[in-house]
Amino acid sequence: MTIWTVEGHRLFADGCPVPFRASPNIGGKIAEHRLLLHHFTSGFYAGSIEWLCNPAAKASAHLVVGEGGEVTQLVPFDRAAWHAGKSAWGDITGSVNPVSIGIEIANLGDLDGSPGHYTFAGHAVPDDRVIMARHKAGGAARPWHTYPAAQIAAVIGISRALQAAYGIHELLGHEDVAPGRKVDPGPAWPMDMVRAAVMTPATAPVFIPPRPPEPVAEAPVPNVVETPKDVQRALVALGYGPLVIDGDIGPASEAAVRRFQLVAGLAVDGDPGPKTRAALARAMTRRT
């Protein structure tokens, strides 16, 4: 597992600085790091880095994270990147860029086509990398590009390092600070579970009440997850769907189990065994 740290406003992986490609699209000093924003690139890793380093883009981000967990830094963490545009949160108006760090996650976002024929800008996207989901802002269900487990793990680790270094107040999506204008990182990104993994009681700001201690053993909990259908229902309720609730732990359900196991800190094998079912039950209990 990669150990992520922040030194001198640069990101380090296992003690070595990640690749740095300076973007010219950069603002002034960040006086207070209040927010951490997750975005999707709506494009591929290498091309997104090139575009965010192009003056014509008039956009940038502090980091770009690829599907395999590879990372390139574009802006030092003490300088504002141009990642949020017109945006607002709480008492912050105009733009949240001066008080936030932006992570662009390489992902194609919402797609065109139908099963067997999903595409993005003419590029074919396999069905096993697509979920049908409604955005939380509303509208009909549509296809979204999914995020690989290695990428989710990297973003969680990096976000935890940034929270520890700067005392980030809140972890949000671009869609939260620019509703109606932006939809990233979208319903395929397991934001609730990522936020829980990053903003833990040990690192969260003091005004956020800590969660009660969790049982160390697989003690009985109010929400019981026993059968395969229970597993599928819990995964859907926690944002890992949509899934067909048929009791068959096929490829789609197994992929959802793996994503949950990764975020929950369990062995990632896709098997909804006793530990996974107990973790699902605890997550459902916290949710309710």
C-alpha atoms as a PDB file:
ATOM      1  CA  MET A   1       0.000   0.000   0.000  1.00  0.00           C
ATOM      2  CA  THR A   2       1.368   3.403  -0.987  1.00  0.00           C
ATOM      3  CA  ILE A   3       2.168   5.832   1.814  1.00  0.00           C
ATOM      4  CA  TRP A   4       1.169   9.346   0.757  1.00  0.00           C
ATOM      5  CA  THR A   5       2.617  12.424   2.453  1.00  0.00           C
ATOM      6  CA  VAL A   6       2.822  16.164   1.856  1.00  0.00           C
ATOM      7  CA  GLU A   7       6.101  18.055   2.202  1.00  0.00           C
ATOM      8  CA  GLY A   8       6.769  21.613   1.088  1.00  0.00           C
ATOM      9  CA  HIS A   9       3.353  21.750  -0.600  1.00  0.00           C
ATOM     10  CA  ARG A  10       4.295  18.796  -2.817  1.00  0.00           C
ATOM     11  CA  LEU A  11       2.827  15.278  -2.805  1.00  0.00           C
ATOM     12  CA  PHE A  12       5.126  12.338  -2.018  1.00  0.00           C
ATOM     13  CA  ALA A  13       4.496   8.625  -2.611  1.00  0.00           C
ATOM     14  CA  ASP A  14       6.547   6.291  -0.395  1.00  0.00           C
ATOM     15  CA  GLY A  15       8.996   9.108   0.300  1.00  0.00           C
ATOM     16  CA  CYS A  16       9.482  10.190  -3.329  1.00  0.00           C
ATOM     17  CA  PRO A  17       7.864  13.244  -4.949  1.00  0.00           C
ATOM     18  CA  VAL A  18       5.252  12.413  -7.556  1.00  0.00           C
ATOM     19  CA  PRO A  19       5.876  13.714 -11.099  1.00  0.00           C
ATOM     20  CA  PHE A  20       5.371  17.485 -11.331  1.00  0.00           C
ATOM     21  CA  ARG A  21       4.257  19.264 -14.494  1.00  0.00           C
ATOM     22  CA  ALA A  22       3.844  22.992 -13.810  1.00  0.00           C
ATOM     23  CA  SER A  23       0.613  24.475 -15.144  1.00  0.00           C
ATOM     24  CA  PRO A  24       0.685  28.152 -16.107  1.00  0.00           C
ATOM     25  CA  ASN A  25      -2.942  28.427 -15.027  1.00  0.00           C
ATOM     26  CA  ILE A  26      -2.334  29.345 -11.423  1.00  0.00           C
ATOM     27  CA  GLY A  27      -3.685  31.818  -8.884  1.00  0.00           C
ATOM     28  CA  GLY A  28      -2.403  33.461  -5.748  1.00  0.00           C
ATOM     29  CA  LYS A  29      -1.488  32.043  -2.362  1.00  0.00           C
ATOM     30  CA  ILE A  30      -4.023  29.964  -0.460  1.00  0.00           C
ATOM     31  CA  ALA A  31      -4.337  31.528   2.989  1.00  0.00           C
ATOM     32  CA  GLU A  32      -6.621  28.802   4.400  1.00  0.00           C
ATOM     33  CA  HIS A  33      -7.270  25.332   3.002  1.00  0.00           C
ATOM     34  CA  ARG A  34     -10.946  24.921   3.796  1.00  0.00           C
ATOM     35  CA  LEU A  35     -12.186  22.579   1.075  1.00  0.00           C
ATOM     36  CA  LEU A  36     -11.003  19.557  -0.898  1.00  0.00           C
ATOM     37  CA  LEU A  37     -12.818  19.046  -4.202  1.00  0.00           C
ATOM     38  CA  HIS A  38     -13.027  15.863  -6.263  1.00  0.00           C
ATOM     39  CA  HIS A  39     -13.645  16.196 -10.027  1.00  0.00           C
ATOM     40  CA  PHE A  40     -13.692  13.901 -13.014  1.00  0.00           C
ATOM     41  CA  THR A  41     -11.631  14.920 -16.028  1.00  0.00           C
ATOM     42  CA  SER A  42     -14.212  13.965 -18.672  1.00  0.00           C
ATOM     43  CA  GLY A  43     -11.212  12.676 -20.578  1.00  0.00           C
ATOM     44  CA  PHE A  44      -8.145  10.443 -20.438  1.00  0.00           C
ATOM     45  CA  TYR A  45      -5.216  10.850 -18.012  1.00  0.00           C
ATOM     46  CA  ALA A  46      -2.436  11.998 -20.365  1.00  0.00           C
ATOM     47  CA  GLY A  47      -4.681  14.206 -22.461  1.00  0.00           C
ATOM     48  CA  SER A  48      -6.158  15.841 -19.365  1.00  0.00           C
ATOM     49  CA  ILE A  49      -2.690  16.739 -18.063  1.00  0.00           C
ATOM     50  CA  GLU A  50      -1.780  18.262 -21.430  1.00  0.00           C
ATOM     51  CA  TRP A  51      -4.974  20.314 -21.520  1.00  0.00           C
ATOM     52  CA  LEU A  52      -4.668  21.574 -17.932  1.00  0.00           C
ATOM     53  CA  CYS A  53      -1.120  22.724 -18.713  1.00  0.00           C
ATOM     54  CA  ASN A  54      -2.261  24.624 -21.804  1.00  0.00           C
ATOM     55  CA  PRO A  55      -2.780  28.384 -21.264  1.00  0.00           C
ATOM     56  CA  ALA A  56      -5.761  28.210 -23.609  1.00  0.00           C
ATOM     57  CA  ALA A  57      -7.573  25.942 -21.154  1.00  0.00           C
ATOM     58  CA  LYS A  58      -7.732  28.645 -18.488  1.00  0.00           C
ATOM     59  CA  ALA A  59      -8.119  25.725 -16.080  1.00  0.00           C
ATOM     60  CA  SER A  60      -5.883  23.598 -13.875  1.00  0.00           C
ATOM     61  CA  ALA A  61      -5.944  21.359 -10.815  1.00  0.00           C
ATOM     62  CA  HIS A  62      -3.459  20.545  -8.103  1.00  0.00           C
ATOM     63  CA  LEU A  63      -3.402  16.839  -9.014  1.00  0.00           C
ATOM     64  CA  VAL A  64      -4.528  14.466 -11.745  1.00  0.00           C
ATOM     65  CA  VAL A  65      -4.995  10.809 -10.715  1.00  0.00           C
ATOM     66  CA  GLY A  66      -5.013   8.057 -13.340  1.00  0.00           C
ATOM     67  CA  GLU A  67      -6.982   4.815 -13.399  1.00  0.00           C
ATOM     68  CA  GLY A  68      -4.064   2.793 -12.023  1.00  0.00           C
ATOM     69  CA  GLY A  69      -3.412   5.239  -9.192  1.00  0.00           C
ATOM     70  CA  GLU A  70      -0.636   7.131 -11.013  1.00  0.00           C
ATOM     71  CA  VAL A  71      -0.466  10.825 -10.076  1.00  0.00           C
ATOM     72  CA  THR A  72       0.885  14.024 -11.600  1.00  0.00           C
ATOM     73  CA  GLN A  73       0.972  17.289  -9.657  1.00  0.00           C
ATOM     74  CA  LEU A  74       0.364  20.490 -11.620  1.00  0.00           C
ATOM     75  CA  VAL A  75       0.130  23.189  -8.942  1.00  0.00           C
ATOM     76  CA  PRO A  76       1.765  23.439  -5.479  1.00  0.00           C
ATOM     77  CA  PHE A  77      -0.758  23.078  -2.674  1.00  0.00           C
ATOM     78  CA  ASP A  78      -0.103  26.605  -1.348  1.00  0.00           C
ATOM     79  CA  ARG A  79      -1.241  28.196  -4.640  1.00  0.00           C
ATOM     80  CA  ALA A  80      -4.780  28.371  -6.024  1.00  0.00           C
ATOM     81  CA  ALA A  81      -5.523  26.181  -9.028  1.00  0.00           C
ATOM     82  CA  TRP A  82      -8.286  27.085 -11.465  1.00  0.00           C
ATOM     83  CA  HIS A  83     -10.391  23.979 -10.951  1.00  0.00           C
ATOM     84  CA  ALA A  84     -13.811  25.104  -9.713  1.00  0.00           C
ATOM     85  CA  GLY A  85     -14.671  28.202 -11.767  1.00  0.00           C
ATOM     86  CA  LYS A  86     -17.826  30.006 -10.725  1.00  0.00           C
ATOM     87  CA  SER A  87     -18.729  28.292  -7.467  1.00  0.00           C
ATOM     88  CA  ALA A  88     -19.918  28.862  -3.922  1.00  0.00           C
ATOM     89  CA  TRP A  89     -20.126  27.060  -0.592  1.00  0.00           C
ATOM     90  CA  GLY A  90     -21.410  28.464   2.705  1.00  0.00           C
ATOM     91  CA  ASP A  91     -19.995  31.963   3.078  1.00  0.00           C
ATOM     92  CA  ILE A  92     -17.655  31.500   0.092  1.00  0.00           C
ATOM     93  CA  THR A  93     -19.004  33.238  -3.002  1.00  0.00           C
ATOM     94  CA  GLY A  94     -17.704  33.872  -6.504  1.00  0.00           C
ATOM     95  CA  SER A  95     -15.270  30.938  -6.521  1.00  0.00           C
ATOM     96  CA  VAL A  96     -13.957  28.439  -3.993  1.00  0.00           C
ATOM     97  CA  ASN A  97     -10.560  28.270  -5.735  1.00  0.00           C
ATOM     98  CA  PRO A  98      -8.804  30.589  -3.221  1.00  0.00           C
ATOM     99  CA  VAL A  99      -9.623  28.254  -0.307  1.00  0.00           C
ATOM    100  CA  SER A 100      -9.581  24.802  -1.890  1.00  0.00           C
ATOM    101  CA  ILE A 101      -7.453  21.998  -3.302  1.00  0.00           C
ATOM    102  CA  GLY A 102      -8.692  20.305  -6.473  1.00  0.00           C
ATOM    103  CA  ILE A 103      -8.097  16.683  -7.491  1.00  0.00           C
ATOM    104  CA  GLU A 104      -8.996  15.717 -11.064  1.00  0.00           C
ATOM    105  CA  ILE A 105      -9.757  11.988 -11.322  1.00  0.00           C
ATOM    106  CA  ALA A 106      -9.232  10.568 -14.818  1.00  0.00           C
ATOM    107  CA  ASN A 107     -12.704   9.376 -15.783  1.00  0.00           C
ATOM    108  CA  LEU A 108     -14.914   9.810 -18.849  1.00  0.00           C
ATOM    109  CA  GLY A 109     -18.001  10.862 -16.883  1.00  0.00           C
ATOM    110  CA  ASP A 110     -21.387  10.434 -18.528  1.00  0.00           C
ATOM    111  CA  LEU A 111     -21.392   8.421 -21.738  1.00  0.00           C
ATOM    112  CA  ASP A 112     -23.327   7.997 -24.961  1.00  0.00           C
ATOM    113  CA  GLY A 113     -24.891   4.864 -26.382  1.00  0.00           C
ATOM    114  CA  SER A 114     -26.519   1.739 -25.012  1.00  0.00           C
ATOM    115  CA  PRO A 115     -25.436  -1.719 -23.782  1.00  0.00           C
ATOM    116  CA  GLY A 116     -22.814  -3.146 -26.096  1.00  0.00           C
ATOM    117  CA  HIS A 117     -22.341   0.241 -27.759  1.00  0.00           C
ATOM    118  CA  TYR A 118     -21.283   2.703 -25.059  1.00  0.00           C
ATOM    119  CA  THR A 119     -18.964   5.432 -26.311  1.00  0.00           C
ATOM    120  CA  PHE A 120     -17.147   8.589 -25.264  1.00  0.00           C
ATOM    121  CA  ALA A 121     -16.129  11.005 -28.022  1.00  0.00           C
ATOM    122  CA  GLY A 122     -16.069   8.068 -30.440  1.00  0.00           C
ATOM    123  CA  HIS A 123     -14.090   5.765 -28.127  1.00  0.00           C
ATOM    124  CA  ALA A 124     -15.781   2.460 -27.244  1.00  0.00           C
ATOM    125  CA  VAL A 125     -16.359   1.809 -23.543  1.00  0.00           C
ATOM    126  CA  PRO A 126     -16.925  -1.822 -22.408  1.00  0.00           C
ATOM    127  CA  ASP A 127     -20.153  -2.621 -20.598  1.00  0.00           C
ATOM    128  CA  ASP A 128     -18.322  -3.741 -17.451  1.00  0.00           C
ATOM    129  CA  ARG A 129     -17.019  -0.186 -17.022  1.00  0.00           C
ATOM    130  CA  VAL A 130     -20.489   1.366 -17.109  1.00  0.00           C
ATOM    131  CA  ILE A 131     -23.306   1.810 -14.617  1.00  0.00           C
ATOM    132  CA  MET A 132     -26.754   3.222 -15.251  1.00  0.00           C
ATOM    133  CA  ALA A 133     -27.607   5.795 -12.593  1.00  0.00           C
ATOM    134  CA  ARG A 134     -29.460   9.020 -11.929  1.00  0.00           C
ATOM    135  CA  HIS A 135     -27.448  12.034 -10.847  1.00  0.00           C
ATOM    136  CA  LYS A 136     -28.349  13.352  -7.405  1.00  0.00           C
ATOM    137  CA  ALA A 137     -29.383  16.634  -9.041  1.00  0.00           C
ATOM    138  CA  GLY A 138     -32.172  14.746 -10.821  1.00  0.00           C
ATOM    139  CA  GLY A 139     -32.974  13.672 -14.352  1.00  0.00           C
ATOM    140  CA  ALA A 140     -33.263  10.278 -15.988  1.00  0.00           C
ATOM    141  CA  ALA A 141     -30.830   7.424 -15.453  1.00  0.00           C
ATOM    142  CA  ARG A 142     -27.942   7.490 -17.912  1.00  0.00           C
ATOM    143  CA  PRO A 143     -24.640   5.651 -18.398  1.00  0.00           C
ATOM    144  CA  TRP A 144     -21.605   6.680 -16.325  1.00  0.00           C
ATOM    145  CA  HIS A 145     -17.984   5.526 -16.526  1.00  0.00           C
ATOM    146  CA  THR A 146     -16.926   3.637 -13.380  1.00  0.00           C
ATOM    147  CA  TYR A 147     -13.780   4.184 -11.292  1.00  0.00           C
ATOM    148  CA  PRO A 148     -11.266   1.308 -10.837  1.00  0.00           C
ATOM    149  CA  ALA A 149     -10.426   0.121  -7.318  1.00  0.00           C
ATOM    150  CA  ALA A 150      -6.763   1.203  -7.585  1.00  0.00           C
ATOM    151  CA  GLN A 151      -7.823   4.726  -8.479  1.00  0.00           C
ATOM    152  CA  ILE A 152     -10.304   4.966  -5.621  1.00  0.00           C
ATOM    153  CA  ALA A 153      -7.663   3.719  -3.173  1.00  0.00           C
ATOM    154  CA  ALA A 154      -5.124   6.279  -4.419  1.00  0.00           C
ATOM    155  CA  VAL A 155      -7.574   9.174  -4.147  1.00  0.00           C
ATOM    156  CA  ILE A 156      -8.524   8.132  -0.616  1.00  0.00           C
ATOM    157  CA  GLY A 157      -4.877   7.904   0.463  1.00  0.00           C
ATOM    158  CA  ILE A 158      -3.979  11.230  -1.140  1.00  0.00           C
ATOM    159  CA  SER A 159      -7.035  12.949   0.310  1.00  0.00           C
ATOM    160  CA  ARG A 160      -6.181  11.670   3.786  1.00  0.00           C
ATOM    161  CA  ALA A 161      -2.636  13.037   3.429  1.00  0.00           C
ATOM    162  CA  LEU A 162      -3.985  16.427   2.363  1.00  0.00           C
ATOM    163  CA  GLN A 163      -6.491  16.489   5.205  1.00  0.00           C
ATOM    164  CA  ALA A 164      -3.748  15.678   7.708  1.00  0.00           C
ATOM    165  CA  ALA A 165      -1.414  18.329   6.256  1.00  0.00           C
ATOM    166  CA  TYR A 166      -3.866  21.191   5.930  1.00  0.00           C
ATOM    167  CA  GLY A 167      -6.797  20.492   8.250  1.00  0.00           C
ATOM    168  CA  ILE A 168      -9.322  20.417   5.407  1.00  0.00           C
ATOM    169  CA  HIS A 169     -12.808  21.286   6.689  1.00  0.00           C
ATOM    170  CA  GLU A 170     -14.940  19.542   4.073  1.00  0.00           C
ATOM    171  CA  LEU A 171     -14.614  17.081   1.184  1.00  0.00           C
ATOM    172  CA  LEU A 172     -16.974  17.890  -1.684  1.00  0.00           C
ATOM    173  CA  GLY A 173     -17.592  17.227  -5.353  1.00  0.00           C
ATOM    174  CA  HIS A 174     -17.526  19.884  -8.061  1.00  0.00           C
ATOM    175  CA  GLU A 175     -21.247  19.204  -8.391  1.00  0.00           C
ATOM    176  CA  ASP A 176     -21.740  20.440  -4.806  1.00  0.00           C
ATOM    177  CA  VAL A 177     -20.141  23.862  -5.271  1.00  0.00           C
ATOM    178  CA  ALA A 178     -21.415  24.453  -8.822  1.00  0.00           C
ATOM    179  CA  PRO A 179     -24.853  22.746  -8.891  1.00  0.00           C
ATOM    180  CA  GLY A 180     -26.698  22.985 -12.165  1.00  0.00           C
ATOM    181  CA  ARG A 181     -23.434  23.709 -13.978  1.00  0.00           C
ATOM    182  CA  LYS A 182     -21.284  20.688 -13.094  1.00  0.00           C
ATOM    183  CA  VAL A 183     -22.075  16.999 -12.498  1.00  0.00           C
ATOM    184  CA  ASP A 184     -18.676  15.645 -11.474  1.00  0.00           C
ATOM    185  CA  PRO A 185     -17.516  13.365  -9.978  1.00  0.00           C
ATOM    186  CA  GLY A 186     -20.994  11.906 -10.608  1.00  0.00           C
ATOM    187  CA  PRO A 187     -22.961   8.946  -9.236  1.00  0.00           C
ATOM    188  CA  ALA A 188     -20.298   6.369 -10.152  1.00  0.00           C
ATOM    189  CA  TRP A 189     -17.940   7.938  -7.584  1.00  0.00           C
ATOM    190  CA  PRO A 190     -18.658   6.448  -4.089  1.00  0.00           C
ATOM    191  CA  MET A 191     -18.446   9.860  -2.400  1.00  0.00           C
ATOM    192  CA  ASP A 192     -20.160   8.889   0.866  1.00  0.00           C
ATOM    193  CA  MET A 193     -17.742   6.048   1.497  1.00  0.00           C
ATOM    194  CA  VAL A 194     -14.721   8.060   0.315  1.00  0.00           C
ATOM    195  CA  ARG A 195     -15.682  10.954   2.575  1.00  0.00           C
ATOM    196  CA  ALA A 196     -16.075   8.593   5.528  1.00  0.00           C
ATOM    197  CA  ALA A 197     -12.632   7.102   4.832  1.00  0.00           C
ATOM    198  CA  VAL A 198     -10.988  10.545   4.599  1.00  0.00           C
ATOM    199  CA  MET A 199     -12.790  12.658   7.180  1.00  0.00           C
ATOM    200  CA  THR A 200     -12.472  10.198  10.057  1.00  0.00           C
ATOM    201  CA  PRO A 201     -13.058  11.298  13.676  1.00  0.00           C
ATOM    202  CA  ALA A 202      -9.295  11.342  14.238  1.00  0.00           C
ATOM    203  CA  THR A 203      -8.767  13.974  11.551  1.00  0.00           C
ATOM    204  CA  ALA A 204     -12.116  15.723  11.203  1.00  0.00           C
ATOM    205  CA  PRO A 205     -12.591  19.306  12.438  1.00  0.00           C
ATOM    206  CA  VAL A 206     -13.685  19.649  16.045  1.00  0.00           C
ATOM    207  CA  PHE A 207     -17.158  20.908  15.177  1.00  0.00           C
ATOM    208  CA  ILE A 208     -18.045  17.566  13.532  1.00  0.00           C
ATOM    209  CA  PRO A 209     -19.356  15.179  16.206  1.00  0.00           C
ATOM    210  CA  PRO A 210     -17.391  11.898  16.291  1.00  0.00           C
ATOM    211  CA  ARG A 211     -19.097   8.646  15.421  1.00  0.00           C
ATOM    212  CA  PRO A 212     -19.729   6.222  18.274  1.00  0.00           C
ATOM    213  CA  PRO A 213     -17.154   3.425  18.578  1.00  0.00           C
ATOM    214  CA  GLU A 214     -17.755   0.502  16.239  1.00  0.00           C
ATOM    215  CA  PRO A 215     -17.692  -3.086  17.475  1.00  0.00           C
ATOM    216  CA  VAL A 216     -14.382  -4.788  16.853  1.00  0.00           C
ATOM    217  CA  ALA A 217     -16.025  -8.150  16.373  1.00  0.00           C
ATOM    218  CA  GLU A 218     -18.892  -9.052  14.124  1.00  0.00           C
ATOM    219  CA  ALA A 219     -21.472  -8.289  16.792  1.00  0.00           C
ATOM    220  CA  PRO A 220     -25.191  -8.321  15.977  1.00  0.00           C
ATOM    221  CA  VAL A 221     -26.420  -5.039  14.504  1.00  0.00           C
ATOM    222  CA  PRO A 222     -29.923  -3.705  13.784  1.00  0.00           C
ATOM    223  CA  ASN A 223     -29.476  -4.025  10.025  1.00  0.00           C
ATOM    224  CA  VAL A 224     -28.939  -7.677   9.168  1.00  0.00           C
ATOM    225  CA  VAL A 225     -27.168  -8.583   5.926  1.00  0.00           C
ATOM    226  CA  GLU A 226     -27.226 -12.360   5.484  1.00  0.00           C
ATOM    227  CA  THR A 227     -28.484 -13.453   2.073  1.00  0.00           C
ATOM    228  CA  PRO A 228     -27.089 -12.534  -1.362  1.00  0.00           C
ATOM    229  CA  LYS A 229     -30.187 -10.395  -1.910  1.00  0.00           C
ATOM    230  CA  ASP A 230     -29.480  -8.594   1.400  1.00  0.00           C
ATOM    231  CA  VAL A 231     -25.950  -7.913   0.134  1.00  0.00           C
ATOM    232  CA  GLN A 232     -27.241  -6.488  -3.140  1.00  0.00           C
ATOM    233  CA  ARG A 233     -29.856  -4.323  -1.407  1.00  0.00           C
ATOM    234  CA  ALA A 234     -27.219  -2.909   0.985  1.00  0.00           C
ATOM    235  CA  LEU A 235     -24.788  -2.171  -1.847  1.00  0.00           C
ATOM    236  CA  VAL A 236     -27.480  -0.287  -3.772  1.00  0.00           C
ATOM    237  CA  ALA A 237     -28.537   1.658  -0.667  1.00  0.00           C
ATOM    238  CA  LEU A 238     -24.920   2.672  -0.015  1.00  0.00           C
ATOM    239  CA  GLY A 239     -24.420   3.968  -3.546  1.00  0.00           C
ATOM    240  CA  TYR A 240     -22.728   0.989  -5.197  1.00  0.00           C
ATOM    241  CA  GLY A 241     -25.569   0.274  -7.591  1.00  0.00           C
ATOM    242  CA  PRO A 242     -27.641   0.086  -9.564  1.00  0.00           C
ATOM    243  CA  LEU A 243     -27.794  -3.715  -9.309  1.00  0.00           C
ATOM    244  CA  VAL A 244     -30.443  -6.284 -10.130  1.00  0.00           C
ATOM    245  CA  ILE A 245     -31.677  -7.676  -6.790  1.00  0.00           C
ATOM    246  CA  ASP A 246     -31.815 -11.311  -7.869  1.00  0.00           C
ATOM    247  CA  GLY A 247     -29.580 -13.075  -5.342  1.00  0.00           C
ATOM    248  CA  ASP A 248     -26.978 -13.865  -8.023  1.00  0.00           C
ATOM    249  CA  ILE A 249     -23.538 -12.470  -7.118  1.00  0.00           C
ATOM    250  CA  GLY A 250     -22.516 -12.143 -10.744  1.00  0.00           C
ATOM    251  CA  PRO A 251     -19.867  -9.840 -12.272  1.00  0.00           C
ATOM    252  CA  ALA A 252     -21.732  -6.585 -11.551  1.00  0.00           C
ATOM    253  CA  SER A 253     -22.453  -7.476  -7.927  1.00  0.00           C
ATOM    254  CA  GLU A 254     -18.943  -8.834  -7.421  1.00  0.00           C
ATOM    255  CA  ALA A 255     -17.474  -5.566  -8.751  1.00  0.00           C
ATOM    256  CA  ALA A 256     -19.669  -3.597  -6.342  1.00  0.00           C
ATOM    257  CA  VAL A 257     -18.524  -5.844  -3.453  1.00  0.00           C
ATOM    258  CA  ARG A 258     -14.896  -5.185  -4.394  1.00  0.00           C
ATOM    259  CA  ARG A 259     -15.441  -1.412  -4.412  1.00  0.00           C
ATOM    260  CA  PHE A 260     -17.088  -1.585  -0.996  1.00  0.00           C
ATOM    261  CA  GLN A 261     -14.334  -3.823   0.422  1.00  0.00           C
ATOM    262  CA  LEU A 262     -11.657  -1.414  -0.802  1.00  0.00           C
ATOM    263  CA  VAL A 263     -13.246   1.611   0.845  1.00  0.00           C
ATOM    264  CA  ALA A 264     -14.106  -0.353   4.022  1.00  0.00           C
ATOM    265  CA  GLY A 265     -10.491  -1.512   4.448  1.00  0.00           C
ATOM    266  CA  LEU A 266     -11.284  -5.202   3.949  1.00  0.00           C
ATOM    267  CA  ALA A 267      -9.526  -7.849   1.872  1.00  0.00           C
ATOM    268  CA  VAL A 268     -10.595  -7.106  -1.715  1.00  0.00           C
ATOM    269  CA  ASP A 269     -11.727 -10.414  -3.195  1.00  0.00           C
ATOM    270  CA  GLY A 270     -15.301  -9.755  -4.337  1.00  0.00           C
ATOM    271  CA  ASP A 271     -16.629 -12.463  -1.993  1.00  0.00           C
ATOM    272  CA  PRO A 272     -19.437 -11.212   0.304  1.00  0.00           C
ATOM    273  CA  GLY A 273     -18.277 -13.362   3.218  1.00  0.00           C
ATOM    274  CA  PRO A 274     -19.085 -12.865   6.914  1.00  0.00           C
ATOM    275  CA  LYS A 275     -16.732  -9.894   7.437  1.00  0.00           C
ATOM    276  CA  THR A 276     -18.028  -8.105   4.363  1.00  0.00           C
ATOM    277  CA  ARG A 277     -21.665  -8.743   5.321  1.00  0.00           C
ATOM    278  CA  ALA A 278     -21.012  -7.442   8.849  1.00  0.00           C
ATOM    279  CA  ALA A 279     -19.306  -4.318   7.452  1.00  0.00           C
ATOM    280  CA  LEU A 280     -22.270  -3.742   5.136  1.00  0.00           C
ATOM    281  CA  ALA A 281     -24.643  -4.085   8.068  1.00  0.00           C
ATOM    282  CA  ARG A 282     -22.652  -1.570  10.138  1.00  0.00           C
ATOM    283  CA  ALA A 283     -22.554   0.872   7.209  1.00  0.00           C
ATOM    284  CA  MET A 284     -26.328   0.538   6.799  1.00  0.00           C
ATOM    285  CA  THR A 285     -26.846   1.123  10.516  1.00  0.00           C
ATOM    286  CA  ARG A 286     -24.740   4.313  10.414  1.00  0.00           C
ATOM    287  CA  ARG A 287     -26.676   5.415   7.337  1.00  0.00           C
ATOM    288  CA  THR A 288     -29.995   5.076   9.107  1.00  0.00           C
END
